[in-house]
Amino acid sequence: MIEEGHTQENPRVKLFGIAPLGAEPTGIIFTPDFKYLFLSIQGPDATNNMTEQIDAAGNSIKFDNHVSLVLALKENLGIIE
């Protein structure tokens, strides 16, 4: 992600995330109100059994296929049971 004030002389870049083994991020877009970010990941290695993430509902999700992620601040996710 590029921070405000970024220039060639004063780079202000932060690592946002890393794609699973054998994959690549292929798209990133915000909703018009900037509450949600959609990120696509293409082609993780089907043998990759090391990349799991806990989602907002507490479920363990394995990234072994194409996937689209939705990221948001907790207060924008609504009620999670």
N, C-alpha and C. Protein backbone atom coordinates (compact mmCIF):
# COMPACT_ATOMS: atom_id res chain seq x y z
N MET A 1 0.85 -1.16 0.00
CA MET A 1 0.00 0.00 0.00
C MET A 1 0.90 1.22 0.00
N ILE A 2 0.48 2.25 -0.69
CA ILE A 2 1.23 3.49 -0.78
C ILE A 2 0.63 4.48 0.22
N GLU A 3 1.47 5.03 1.09
CA GLU A 3 1.02 6.00 2.07
C GLU A 3 1.05 7.41 1.49
N GLU A 4 0.28 8.28 2.11
CA GLU A 4 0.28 9.68 1.72
C GLU A 4 1.69 10.24 1.86
N GLY A 5 2.09 11.07 0.90
CA GLY A 5 3.41 11.69 0.93
C GLY A 5 4.48 10.86 0.22
N HIS A 6 4.10 9.75 -0.41
CA HIS A 6 5.06 8.89 -1.11
C HIS A 6 5.68 9.63 -2.29
N THR A 7 7.00 9.58 -2.38
CA THR A 7 7.74 10.10 -3.53
C THR A 7 8.88 9.14 -3.83
N GLN A 8 9.53 9.34 -4.96
CA GLN A 8 10.70 8.52 -5.30
C GLN A 8 11.80 8.75 -4.26
N GLU A 9 11.95 9.99 -3.82
CA GLU A 9 13.00 10.31 -2.86
C GLU A 9 12.65 9.85 -1.45
N ASN A 10 11.36 9.77 -1.14
CA ASN A 10 10.90 9.38 0.19
C ASN A 10 9.82 8.30 0.04
N PRO A 11 10.24 7.07 -0.29
CA PRO A 11 9.24 6.02 -0.51
C PRO A 11 8.49 5.68 0.77
N ARG A 12 7.16 5.65 0.67
CA ARG A 12 6.31 5.33 1.81
C ARG A 12 5.39 4.19 1.38
N VAL A 13 5.97 3.00 1.35
CA VAL A 13 5.26 1.81 0.89
C VAL A 13 5.23 0.79 2.03
N LYS A 14 4.06 0.20 2.26
CA LYS A 14 3.93 -0.84 3.28
C LYS A 14 3.41 -2.11 2.63
N LEU A 15 3.94 -3.23 3.07
CA LEU A 15 3.47 -4.52 2.59
C LEU A 15 2.07 -4.77 3.12
N PHE A 16 1.13 -5.04 2.25
CA PHE A 16 -0.26 -5.26 2.63
C PHE A 16 -0.54 -6.74 2.90
N GLY A 17 0.04 -7.61 2.13
CA GLY A 17 -0.21 -9.03 2.30
C GLY A 17 0.67 -9.83 1.36
N ILE A 18 0.66 -11.13 1.56
CA ILE A 18 1.44 -12.05 0.74
C ILE A 18 0.49 -13.13 0.23
N ALA A 19 0.54 -13.40 -1.05
CA ALA A 19 -0.31 -14.44 -1.64
C ALA A 19 0.18 -15.81 -1.20
N PRO A 20 -0.71 -16.80 -1.13
CA PRO A 20 -0.30 -18.17 -0.79
C PRO A 20 0.72 -18.72 -1.79
N LEU A 21 1.45 -19.73 -1.39
CA LEU A 21 2.45 -20.39 -2.22
C LEU A 21 1.87 -20.75 -3.58
N GLY A 22 2.54 -20.36 -4.64
CA GLY A 22 2.11 -20.72 -5.99
C GLY A 22 0.98 -19.86 -6.52
N ALA A 23 0.64 -18.76 -5.86
CA ALA A 23 -0.48 -17.92 -6.27
C ALA A 23 0.00 -16.50 -6.55
N GLU A 24 -0.93 -15.71 -7.09
CA GLU A 24 -0.64 -14.30 -7.29
C GLU A 24 -1.90 -13.48 -7.07
N PRO A 25 -1.76 -12.30 -6.45
CA PRO A 25 -2.92 -11.42 -6.34
C PRO A 25 -3.23 -10.86 -7.73
N THR A 26 -4.50 -10.87 -8.12
CA THR A 26 -4.85 -10.48 -9.49
C THR A 26 -5.82 -9.33 -9.59
N GLY A 27 -6.29 -8.84 -8.51
CA GLY A 27 -7.21 -7.72 -8.58
C GLY A 27 -7.46 -7.17 -7.20
N ILE A 28 -7.55 -5.86 -7.11
CA ILE A 28 -7.87 -5.22 -5.84
C ILE A 28 -8.72 -4.01 -6.18
N ILE A 29 -9.86 -3.90 -5.50
CA ILE A 29 -10.75 -2.77 -5.73
C ILE A 29 -11.54 -2.48 -4.46
N PHE A 30 -11.80 -1.21 -4.23
CA PHE A 30 -12.63 -0.79 -3.10
C PHE A 30 -14.05 -0.53 -3.59
N THR A 31 -15.02 -0.68 -2.68
CA THR A 31 -16.36 -0.22 -2.98
C THR A 31 -16.32 1.31 -3.03
N PRO A 32 -17.30 1.95 -3.69
CA PRO A 32 -17.27 3.41 -3.81
C PRO A 32 -17.21 4.14 -2.46
N ASP A 33 -17.74 3.55 -1.40
CA ASP A 33 -17.70 4.19 -0.08
C ASP A 33 -16.43 3.84 0.70
N PHE A 34 -15.54 3.04 0.11
CA PHE A 34 -14.27 2.61 0.71
C PHE A 34 -14.44 1.80 1.99
N LYS A 35 -15.60 1.19 2.20
CA LYS A 35 -15.81 0.36 3.38
C LYS A 35 -15.31 -1.06 3.18
N TYR A 36 -15.27 -1.53 1.95
CA TYR A 36 -14.88 -2.91 1.66
C TYR A 36 -13.83 -2.95 0.57
N LEU A 37 -12.90 -3.86 0.72
CA LEU A 37 -11.87 -4.07 -0.28
C LEU A 37 -12.02 -5.50 -0.80
N PHE A 38 -12.04 -5.67 -2.08
CA PHE A 38 -12.10 -6.99 -2.70
C PHE A 38 -10.74 -7.31 -3.30
N LEU A 39 -10.23 -8.48 -2.98
CA LEU A 39 -8.92 -8.92 -3.46
C LEU A 39 -9.06 -10.33 -4.02
N SER A 40 -8.62 -10.51 -5.26
CA SER A 40 -8.65 -11.83 -5.89
C SER A 40 -7.27 -12.45 -5.84
N ILE A 41 -7.25 -13.76 -5.63
CA ILE A 41 -6.00 -14.53 -5.65
C ILE A 41 -6.19 -15.66 -6.64
N GLN A 42 -5.27 -15.73 -7.59
CA GLN A 42 -5.38 -16.69 -8.68
C GLN A 42 -4.40 -17.83 -8.52
N GLY A 43 -4.90 -19.04 -8.66
CA GLY A 43 -4.11 -20.22 -8.83
C GLY A 43 -3.16 -20.65 -7.74
N PRO A 44 -3.57 -20.68 -6.46
CA PRO A 44 -2.66 -21.27 -5.47
C PRO A 44 -2.38 -22.72 -5.81
N ASP A 45 -1.22 -23.17 -5.46
CA ASP A 45 -0.83 -24.55 -5.69
C ASP A 45 -1.78 -25.49 -4.94
N ALA A 46 -2.40 -26.43 -5.63
CA ALA A 46 -3.38 -27.35 -5.03
C ALA A 46 -2.75 -28.20 -3.93
N THR A 47 -1.43 -28.35 -3.93
CA THR A 47 -0.77 -29.14 -2.90
C THR A 47 -0.41 -28.29 -1.69
N ASN A 48 -0.74 -27.02 -1.72
CA ASN A 48 -0.40 -26.12 -0.62
C ASN A 48 -1.34 -26.39 0.55
N ASN A 49 -0.85 -27.05 1.57
CA ASN A 49 -1.68 -27.33 2.74
C ASN A 49 -1.24 -26.51 3.96
N MET A 50 -0.41 -25.51 3.73
CA MET A 50 0.11 -24.72 4.84
C MET A 50 -0.58 -23.36 4.98
N THR A 51 -1.44 -23.01 4.03
CA THR A 51 -2.00 -21.67 4.02
C THR A 51 -3.47 -21.70 4.43
N GLU A 52 -3.72 -21.50 5.71
CA GLU A 52 -5.08 -21.41 6.23
C GLU A 52 -5.24 -20.10 6.96
N GLN A 53 -6.44 -19.59 6.95
CA GLN A 53 -6.74 -18.31 7.59
C GLN A 53 -8.07 -18.44 8.31
N ILE A 54 -8.20 -17.80 9.44
CA ILE A 54 -9.46 -17.76 10.16
C ILE A 54 -10.27 -16.58 9.63
N ASP A 55 -11.51 -16.83 9.18
CA ASP A 55 -12.33 -15.74 8.66
C ASP A 55 -13.07 -15.02 9.78
N ALA A 56 -13.86 -14.02 9.43
CA ALA A 56 -14.54 -13.17 10.41
C ALA A 56 -15.53 -13.94 11.27
N ALA A 57 -16.02 -15.07 10.78
CA ALA A 57 -16.97 -15.89 11.54
C ALA A 57 -16.26 -16.96 12.36
N GLY A 58 -14.92 -17.00 12.31
CA GLY A 58 -14.17 -17.97 13.09
C GLY A 58 -13.92 -19.29 12.37
N ASN A 59 -14.26 -19.37 11.09
CA ASN A 59 -14.05 -20.59 10.31
C ASN A 59 -12.63 -20.62 9.75
N SER A 60 -12.02 -21.80 9.72
CA SER A 60 -10.71 -21.97 9.12
C SER A 60 -10.90 -22.18 7.62
N ILE A 61 -10.29 -21.33 6.82
CA ILE A 61 -10.42 -21.39 5.37
C ILE A 61 -9.07 -21.78 4.78
N LYS A 62 -9.06 -22.80 3.92
CA LYS A 62 -7.83 -23.25 3.26
C LYS A 62 -7.78 -22.63 1.86
N PHE A 63 -6.67 -22.01 1.53
CA PHE A 63 -6.49 -21.40 0.22
C PHE A 63 -5.82 -22.39 -0.72
N ASP A 64 -6.61 -23.27 -1.33
CA ASP A 64 -6.05 -24.24 -2.28
C ASP A 64 -6.76 -24.15 -3.63
N ASN A 65 -7.36 -22.99 -3.91
CA ASN A 65 -8.06 -22.77 -5.16
C ASN A 65 -8.16 -21.27 -5.37
N HIS A 66 -8.68 -20.84 -6.54
CA HIS A 66 -8.90 -19.42 -6.76
C HIS A 66 -9.85 -18.91 -5.68
N VAL A 67 -9.64 -17.68 -5.24
CA VAL A 67 -10.46 -17.15 -4.15
C VAL A 67 -10.55 -15.63 -4.28
N SER A 68 -11.66 -15.09 -3.82
CA SER A 68 -11.81 -13.64 -3.67
C SER A 68 -12.03 -13.35 -2.20
N LEU A 69 -11.30 -12.40 -1.68
CA LEU A 69 -11.41 -12.02 -0.28
C LEU A 69 -12.10 -10.66 -0.18
N VAL A 70 -12.88 -10.50 0.86
CA VAL A 70 -13.49 -9.21 1.17
C VAL A 70 -12.92 -8.77 2.50
N LEU A 71 -12.31 -7.60 2.54
CA LEU A 71 -11.72 -7.08 3.77
C LEU A 71 -12.46 -5.83 4.18
N ALA A 72 -12.67 -5.68 5.49
CA ALA A 72 -13.36 -4.51 6.00
C ALA A 72 -12.99 -4.31 7.46
N LEU A 73 -13.21 -3.11 7.95
CA LEU A 73 -13.09 -2.86 9.37
C LEU A 73 -14.20 -3.63 10.09
N LYS A 74 -13.94 -4.05 11.29
CA LYS A 74 -14.90 -4.86 12.04
C LYS A 74 -16.27 -4.20 12.11
N GLU A 75 -16.31 -2.90 12.31
CA GLU A 75 -17.60 -2.22 12.44
C GLU A 75 -18.40 -2.20 11.13
N ASN A 76 -17.77 -2.50 10.00
CA ASN A 76 -18.48 -2.55 8.73
C ASN A 76 -18.95 -3.95 8.36
N LEU A 77 -18.63 -4.95 9.17
CA LEU A 77 -19.00 -6.32 8.83
C LEU A 77 -20.41 -6.70 9.27
N GLY A 78 -21.01 -5.94 10.16
CA GLY A 78 -22.34 -6.28 10.64
C GLY A 78 -22.24 -7.24 11.81
N ILE A 79 -23.33 -7.93 12.08
CA ILE A 79 -23.41 -8.84 13.22
C ILE A 79 -22.76 -10.17 12.85
N ILE A 80 -21.83 -10.62 13.69
CA ILE A 80 -21.17 -11.91 13.50
C ILE A 80 -21.52 -12.79 14.69
N GLU A 81 -22.13 -13.93 14.42
CA GLU A 81 -22.51 -14.83 15.50
C GLU A 81 -21.63 -16.05 15.53
